Amino acid sequence: FAVLVVALVVALVDVAVVPILLHEGS
């Protein structure tokens, strides 16, 4: 249950943030 809940939270944050992070240069 803990893994499922945290996974949903991380996925939600990823959807909002990762597309922005991918535009950042290495």
PDB file of all heavy atoms in Angstrom:
ATOM      1  N   PHE A   1       0.833  -1.205   0.000  1.00  0.00           N
ATOM      2  CA  PHE A   1       0.000   0.000   0.000  1.00  0.00           C
ATOM      3  C   PHE A   1       0.868   1.255   0.000  1.00  0.00           C
ATOM      4  O   PHE A   1       0.604   2.213  -0.747  1.00  0.00           O
ATOM      5  CB  PHE A   1      -0.905  -0.009   1.230  1.00  0.00           C
ATOM      6  CG  PHE A   1      -1.795   1.205   1.335  1.00  0.00           C
ATOM      7  CD1 PHE A   1      -2.963   1.295   0.588  1.00  0.00           C
ATOM      8  CD2 PHE A   1      -1.458   2.262   2.175  1.00  0.00           C
ATOM      9  CE1 PHE A   1      -3.781   2.417   0.675  1.00  0.00           C
ATOM     10  CE2 PHE A   1      -2.270   3.380   2.271  1.00  0.00           C
ATOM     11  CZ  PHE A   1      -3.442   3.464   1.520  1.00  0.00           C
ATOM     12  N   ALA A   2       1.914   1.271   0.815  1.00  0.00           N
ATOM     13  CA  ALA A   2       2.789   2.440   0.885  1.00  0.00           C
ATOM     14  C   ALA A   2       3.464   2.700  -0.454  1.00  0.00           C
ATOM     15  O   ALA A   2       3.532   3.844  -0.920  1.00  0.00           O
ATOM     16  CB  ALA A   2       3.832   2.243   1.983  1.00  0.00           C
ATOM     17  N   VAL A   3       3.961   1.641  -1.075  1.00  0.00           N
ATOM     18  CA  VAL A   3       4.624   1.791  -2.375  1.00  0.00           C
ATOM     19  C   VAL A   3       3.649   2.325  -3.416  1.00  0.00           C
ATOM     20  O   VAL A   3       3.986   3.221  -4.208  1.00  0.00           O
ATOM     21  CB  VAL A   3       5.222   0.445  -2.833  1.00  0.00           C
ATOM     22  CG1 VAL A   3       5.629   0.508  -4.309  1.00  0.00           C
ATOM     23  CG2 VAL A   3       6.423   0.083  -1.971  1.00  0.00           C
ATOM     24  N   LEU A   4       2.425   1.802  -3.420  1.00  0.00           N
ATOM     25  CA  LEU A   4       1.424   2.230  -4.391  1.00  0.00           C
ATOM     26  C   LEU A   4       1.101   3.711  -4.226  1.00  0.00           C
ATOM     27  O   LEU A   4       1.073   4.465  -5.213  1.00  0.00           O
ATOM     28  CB  LEU A   4       0.155   1.395  -4.238  1.00  0.00           C
ATOM     29  CG  LEU A   4      -1.019   1.779  -5.156  1.00  0.00           C
ATOM     30  CD1 LEU A   4      -0.620   1.642  -6.614  1.00  0.00           C
ATOM     31  CD2 LEU A   4      -2.249   0.939  -4.845  1.00  0.00           C
ATOM     32  N   VAL A   5       0.869   4.146  -2.986  1.00  0.00           N
ATOM     33  CA  VAL A   5       0.519   5.548  -2.750  1.00  0.00           C
ATOM     34  C   VAL A   5       1.661   6.472  -3.140  1.00  0.00           C
ATOM     35  O   VAL A   5       1.464   7.484  -3.840  1.00  0.00           O
ATOM     36  CB  VAL A   5       0.139   5.754  -1.266  1.00  0.00           C
ATOM     37  CG1 VAL A   5      -0.028   7.245  -0.967  1.00  0.00           C
ATOM     38  CG2 VAL A   5      -1.147   5.007  -0.942  1.00  0.00           C
ATOM     39  N   VAL A   6       2.869   6.139  -2.690  1.00  0.00           N
ATOM     40  CA  VAL A   6       4.010   7.001  -3.014  1.00  0.00           C
ATOM     41  C   VAL A   6       4.282   6.996  -4.515  1.00  0.00           C
ATOM     42  O   VAL A   6       4.637   8.031  -5.099  1.00  0.00           O
ATOM     43  CB  VAL A   6       5.258   6.560  -2.224  1.00  0.00           C
ATOM     44  CG1 VAL A   6       6.478   7.377  -2.638  1.00  0.00           C
ATOM     45  CG2 VAL A   6       5.026   6.717  -0.728  1.00  0.00           C
ATOM     46  N   ALA A   7       4.092   5.853  -5.158  1.00  0.00           N
ATOM     47  CA  ALA A   7       4.281   5.782  -6.605  1.00  0.00           C
ATOM     48  C   ALA A   7       3.305   6.699  -7.334  1.00  0.00           C
ATOM     49  O   ALA A   7       3.673   7.376  -8.307  1.00  0.00           O
ATOM     50  CB  ALA A   7       4.115   4.342  -7.083  1.00  0.00           C
ATOM     51  N   LEU A   8       2.062   6.739  -6.866  1.00  0.00           N
ATOM     52  CA  LEU A   8       1.074   7.631  -7.483  1.00  0.00           C
ATOM     53  C   LEU A   8       1.460   9.095  -7.291  1.00  0.00           C
ATOM     54  O   LEU A   8       1.326   9.909  -8.212  1.00  0.00           O
ATOM     55  CB  LEU A   8      -0.312   7.358  -6.889  1.00  0.00           C
ATOM     56  CG  LEU A   8      -0.967   6.032  -7.272  1.00  0.00           C
ATOM     57  CD1 LEU A   8      -2.261   5.822  -6.492  1.00  0.00           C
ATOM     58  CD2 LEU A   8      -1.241   5.987  -8.769  1.00  0.00           C
ATOM     59  N   VAL A   9       1.957   9.420  -6.110  1.00  0.00           N
ATOM     60  CA  VAL A   9       2.384  10.795  -5.845  1.00  0.00           C
ATOM     61  C   VAL A   9       3.558  11.170  -6.733  1.00  0.00           C
ATOM     62  O   VAL A   9       3.576  12.240  -7.361  1.00  0.00           O
ATOM     63  CB  VAL A   9       2.761  10.962  -4.356  1.00  0.00           C
ATOM     64  CG1 VAL A   9       3.412  12.318  -4.121  1.00  0.00           C
ATOM     65  CG2 VAL A   9       1.535  10.795  -3.480  1.00  0.00           C
ATOM     66  N   VAL A  10       4.559  10.288  -6.794  1.00  0.00           N
ATOM     67  CA  VAL A  10       5.739  10.565  -7.622  1.00  0.00           C
ATOM     68  C   VAL A  10       5.346  10.687  -9.096  1.00  0.00           C
ATOM     69  O   VAL A  10       5.839  11.574  -9.812  1.00  0.00           O
ATOM     70  CB  VAL A  10       6.796   9.449  -7.431  1.00  0.00           C
ATOM     71  CG1 VAL A  10       7.924   9.591  -8.455  1.00  0.00           C
ATOM     72  CG2 VAL A  10       7.373   9.500  -6.023  1.00  0.00           C
ATOM     73  N   ALA A  11       4.439   9.826  -9.557  1.00  0.00           N
ATOM     74  CA  ALA A  11       3.998   9.882 -10.955  1.00  0.00           C
ATOM     75  C   ALA A  11       3.294  11.200 -11.252  1.00  0.00           C
ATOM     76  O   ALA A  11       3.504  11.815 -12.308  1.00  0.00           O
ATOM     77  CB  ALA A  11       3.066   8.704 -11.257  1.00  0.00           C
ATOM     78  N   LEU A  12       2.469  11.640 -10.303  1.00  0.00           N
ATOM     79  CA  LEU A  12       1.765  12.912 -10.474  1.00  0.00           C
ATOM     80  C   LEU A  12       2.743  14.073 -10.576  1.00  0.00           C
ATOM     81  O   LEU A  12       2.613  14.946 -11.454  1.00  0.00           O
ATOM     82  CB  LEU A  12       0.802  13.134  -9.299  1.00  0.00           C
ATOM     83  CG  LEU A  12      -0.011  14.428  -9.315  1.00  0.00           C
ATOM     84  CD1 LEU A  12      -0.922  14.479 -10.534  1.00  0.00           C
ATOM     85  CD2 LEU A  12      -0.833  14.558  -8.029  1.00  0.00           C
ATOM     86  N   VAL A  13       3.743  14.077  -9.705  1.00  0.00           N
ATOM     87  CA  VAL A  13       4.742  15.145  -9.730  1.00  0.00           C
ATOM     88  C   VAL A  13       5.588  15.056 -11.001  1.00  0.00           C
ATOM     89  O   VAL A  13       5.927  16.077 -11.619  1.00  0.00           O
ATOM     90  CB  VAL A  13       5.625  15.077  -8.471  1.00  0.00           C
ATOM     91  CG1 VAL A  13       6.748  16.113  -8.544  1.00  0.00           C
ATOM     92  CG2 VAL A  13       4.790  15.308  -7.221  1.00  0.00           C
ATOM     93  N   ASP A  14       5.911  13.827 -11.414  1.00  0.00           N
ATOM     94  CA  ASP A  14       6.698  13.649 -12.637  1.00  0.00           C
ATOM     95  C   ASP A  14       5.996  14.230 -13.854  1.00  0.00           C
ATOM     96  O   ASP A  14       6.620  14.865 -14.711  1.00  0.00           O
ATOM     97  CB  ASP A  14       6.971  12.152 -12.872  1.00  0.00           C
ATOM     98  CG  ASP A  14       8.137  11.628 -12.056  1.00  0.00           C
ATOM     99  OD1 ASP A  14       8.915  12.438 -11.543  1.00  0.00           O
ATOM    100  OD2 ASP A  14       8.262  10.390 -11.928  1.00  0.00           O
ATOM    101  N   VAL A  15       4.700  13.986 -13.934  1.00  0.00           N
ATOM    102  CA  VAL A  15       3.944  14.490 -15.086  1.00  0.00           C
ATOM    103  C   VAL A  15       4.044  16.007 -15.182  1.00  0.00           C
ATOM    104  O   VAL A  15       4.150  16.581 -16.272  1.00  0.00           O
ATOM    105  CB  VAL A  15       2.467  14.055 -14.983  1.00  0.00           C
ATOM    106  CG1 VAL A  15       1.619  14.788 -16.011  1.00  0.00           C
ATOM    107  CG2 VAL A  15       2.348  12.547 -15.184  1.00  0.00           C
ATOM    108  N   ALA A  16       4.060  16.660 -14.028  1.00  0.00           N
ATOM    109  CA  ALA A  16       4.100  18.119 -14.018  1.00  0.00           C
ATOM    110  C   ALA A  16       5.505  18.680 -14.192  1.00  0.00           C
ATOM    111  O   ALA A  16       5.688  19.746 -14.789  1.00  0.00           O
ATOM    112  CB  ALA A  16       3.511  18.631 -12.701  1.00  0.00           C
ATOM    113  N   VAL A  17       6.518  17.959 -13.705  1.00  0.00           N
ATOM    114  CA  VAL A  17       7.857  18.538 -13.604  1.00  0.00           C
ATOM    115  C   VAL A  17       8.853  18.015 -14.630  1.00  0.00           C
ATOM    116  O   VAL A  17       9.641  18.781 -15.175  1.00  0.00           O
ATOM    117  CB  VAL A  17       8.421  18.300 -12.181  1.00  0.00           C
ATOM    118  CG1 VAL A  17       9.855  18.800 -12.076  1.00  0.00           C
ATOM    119  CG2 VAL A  17       7.546  18.975 -11.149  1.00  0.00           C
ATOM    120  N   VAL A  18       8.814  16.715 -14.916  1.00  0.00           N
ATOM    121  CA  VAL A  18       9.841  16.127 -15.778  1.00  0.00           C
ATOM    122  C   VAL A  18       9.913  16.768 -17.163  1.00  0.00           C
ATOM    123  O   VAL A  18      11.016  16.999 -17.677  1.00  0.00           O
ATOM    124  CB  VAL A  18       9.645  14.599 -15.887  1.00  0.00           C
ATOM    125  CG1 VAL A  18      10.557  14.002 -16.963  1.00  0.00           C
ATOM    126  CG2 VAL A  18       9.937  13.943 -14.535  1.00  0.00           C
ATOM    127  N   PRO A  19       8.775  17.085 -17.818  1.00  0.00           N
ATOM    128  CA  PRO A  19       8.889  17.757 -19.124  1.00  0.00           C
ATOM    129  C   PRO A  19       9.692  19.060 -19.045  1.00  0.00           C
ATOM    130  O   PRO A  19      10.404  19.409 -19.994  1.00  0.00           O
ATOM    131  CB  PRO A  19       7.428  18.027 -19.499  1.00  0.00           C
ATOM    132  CG  PRO A  19       6.657  16.953 -18.809  1.00  0.00           C
ATOM    133  CD  PRO A  19       7.362  16.770 -17.496  1.00  0.00           C
ATOM    134  N   ILE A  20       9.596  19.758 -17.934  1.00  0.00           N
ATOM    135  CA  ILE A  20      10.372  20.990 -17.757  1.00  0.00           C
ATOM    136  C   ILE A  20      11.846  20.655 -17.547  1.00  0.00           C
ATOM    137  O   ILE A  20      12.737  21.294 -18.116  1.00  0.00           O
ATOM    138  CB  ILE A  20       9.830  21.798 -16.562  1.00  0.00           C
ATOM    139  CG1 ILE A  20       8.369  22.187 -16.813  1.00  0.00           C
ATOM    140  CG2 ILE A  20      10.677  23.040 -16.321  1.00  0.00           C
ATOM    141  CD1 ILE A  20       7.699  22.848 -15.620  1.00  0.00           C
ATOM    142  N   LEU A  21      12.116  19.637 -16.729  1.00  0.00           N
ATOM    143  CA  LEU A  21      13.497  19.261 -16.447  1.00  0.00           C
ATOM    144  C   LEU A  21      14.228  18.792 -17.698  1.00  0.00           C
ATOM    145  O   LEU A  21      15.441  19.020 -17.842  1.00  0.00           O
ATOM    146  CB  LEU A  21      13.532  18.146 -15.391  1.00  0.00           C
ATOM    147  CG  LEU A  21      13.002  18.489 -14.004  1.00  0.00           C
ATOM    148  CD1 LEU A  21      13.079  17.271 -13.095  1.00  0.00           C
ATOM    149  CD2 LEU A  21      13.780  19.652 -13.400  1.00  0.00           C
ATOM    150  N   LEU A  22      13.510  18.149 -18.603  1.00  0.00           N
ATOM    151  CA  LEU A  22      14.139  17.631 -19.818  1.00  0.00           C
ATOM    152  C   LEU A  22      14.661  18.739 -20.718  1.00  0.00           C
ATOM    153  O   LEU A  22      15.511  18.497 -21.583  1.00  0.00           O
ATOM    154  CB  LEU A  22      13.149  16.745 -20.583  1.00  0.00           C
ATOM    155  CG  LEU A  22      12.786  15.423 -19.914  1.00  0.00           C
ATOM    156  CD1 LEU A  22      11.725  14.682 -20.723  1.00  0.00           C
ATOM    157  CD2 LEU A  22      14.017  14.548 -19.727  1.00  0.00           C
ATOM    158  N   HIS A  23      14.157  19.949 -20.530  1.00  0.00           N
ATOM    159  CA  HIS A  23      14.631  21.076 -21.338  1.00  0.00           C
ATOM    160  C   HIS A  23      15.915  21.677 -20.780  1.00  0.00           C
ATOM    161  O   HIS A  23      16.552  22.494 -21.431  1.00  0.00           O
ATOM    162  CB  HIS A  23      13.550  22.165 -21.419  1.00  0.00           C
ATOM    163  CG  HIS A  23      12.388  21.795 -22.284  1.00  0.00           C
ATOM    164  ND1 HIS A  23      12.490  21.683 -23.656  1.00  0.00           N
ATOM    165  CD2 HIS A  23      11.100  21.503 -21.991  1.00  0.00           C
ATOM    166  CE1 HIS A  23      11.322  21.345 -24.158  1.00  0.00           C
ATOM    167  NE2 HIS A  23      10.451  21.230 -23.174  1.00  0.00           N
ATOM    168  N   GLU A  24      16.279  21.262 -19.575  1.00  0.00           N
ATOM    169  CA  GLU A  24      17.490  21.809 -18.962  1.00  0.00           C
ATOM    170  C   GLU A  24      18.719  21.111 -19.536  1.00  0.00           C
ATOM    171  O   GLU A  24      18.742  19.887 -19.669  1.00  0.00           O
ATOM    172  CB  GLU A  24      17.466  21.633 -17.439  1.00  0.00           C
ATOM    173  CG  GLU A  24      18.653  22.285 -16.754  1.00  0.00           C
ATOM    174  CD  GLU A  24      18.435  22.402 -15.254  1.00  0.00           C
ATOM    175  OE1 GLU A  24      17.318  22.097 -14.803  1.00  0.00           O
ATOM    176  OE2 GLU A  24      19.363  22.798 -14.563  1.00  0.00           O
ATOM    177  N   GLY A  25      19.728  21.891 -19.861  1.00  0.00           N
ATOM    178  CA  GLY A  25      20.938  21.321 -20.444  1.00  0.00           C
ATOM    179  C   GLY A  25      21.790  20.606 -19.411  1.00  0.00           C
ATOM    180  O   GLY A  25      21.765  20.925 -18.228  1.00  0.00           O
ATOM    181  N   SER A  26      22.542  19.615 -19.871  1.00  0.00           N
ATOM    182  CA  SER A  26      23.483  18.928 -18.991  1.00  0.00           C
ATOM    183  C   SER A  26      24.726  19.801 -18.857  1.00  0.00           C
ATOM    184  O   SER A  26      25.592  19.801 -19.738  1.00  0.00           O
ATOM    185  CB  SER A  26      23.848  17.556 -19.579  1.00  0.00           C
ATOM    186  OG  SER A  26      22.703  16.763 -19.741  1.00  0.00           O
TER     187      SER A  26
END
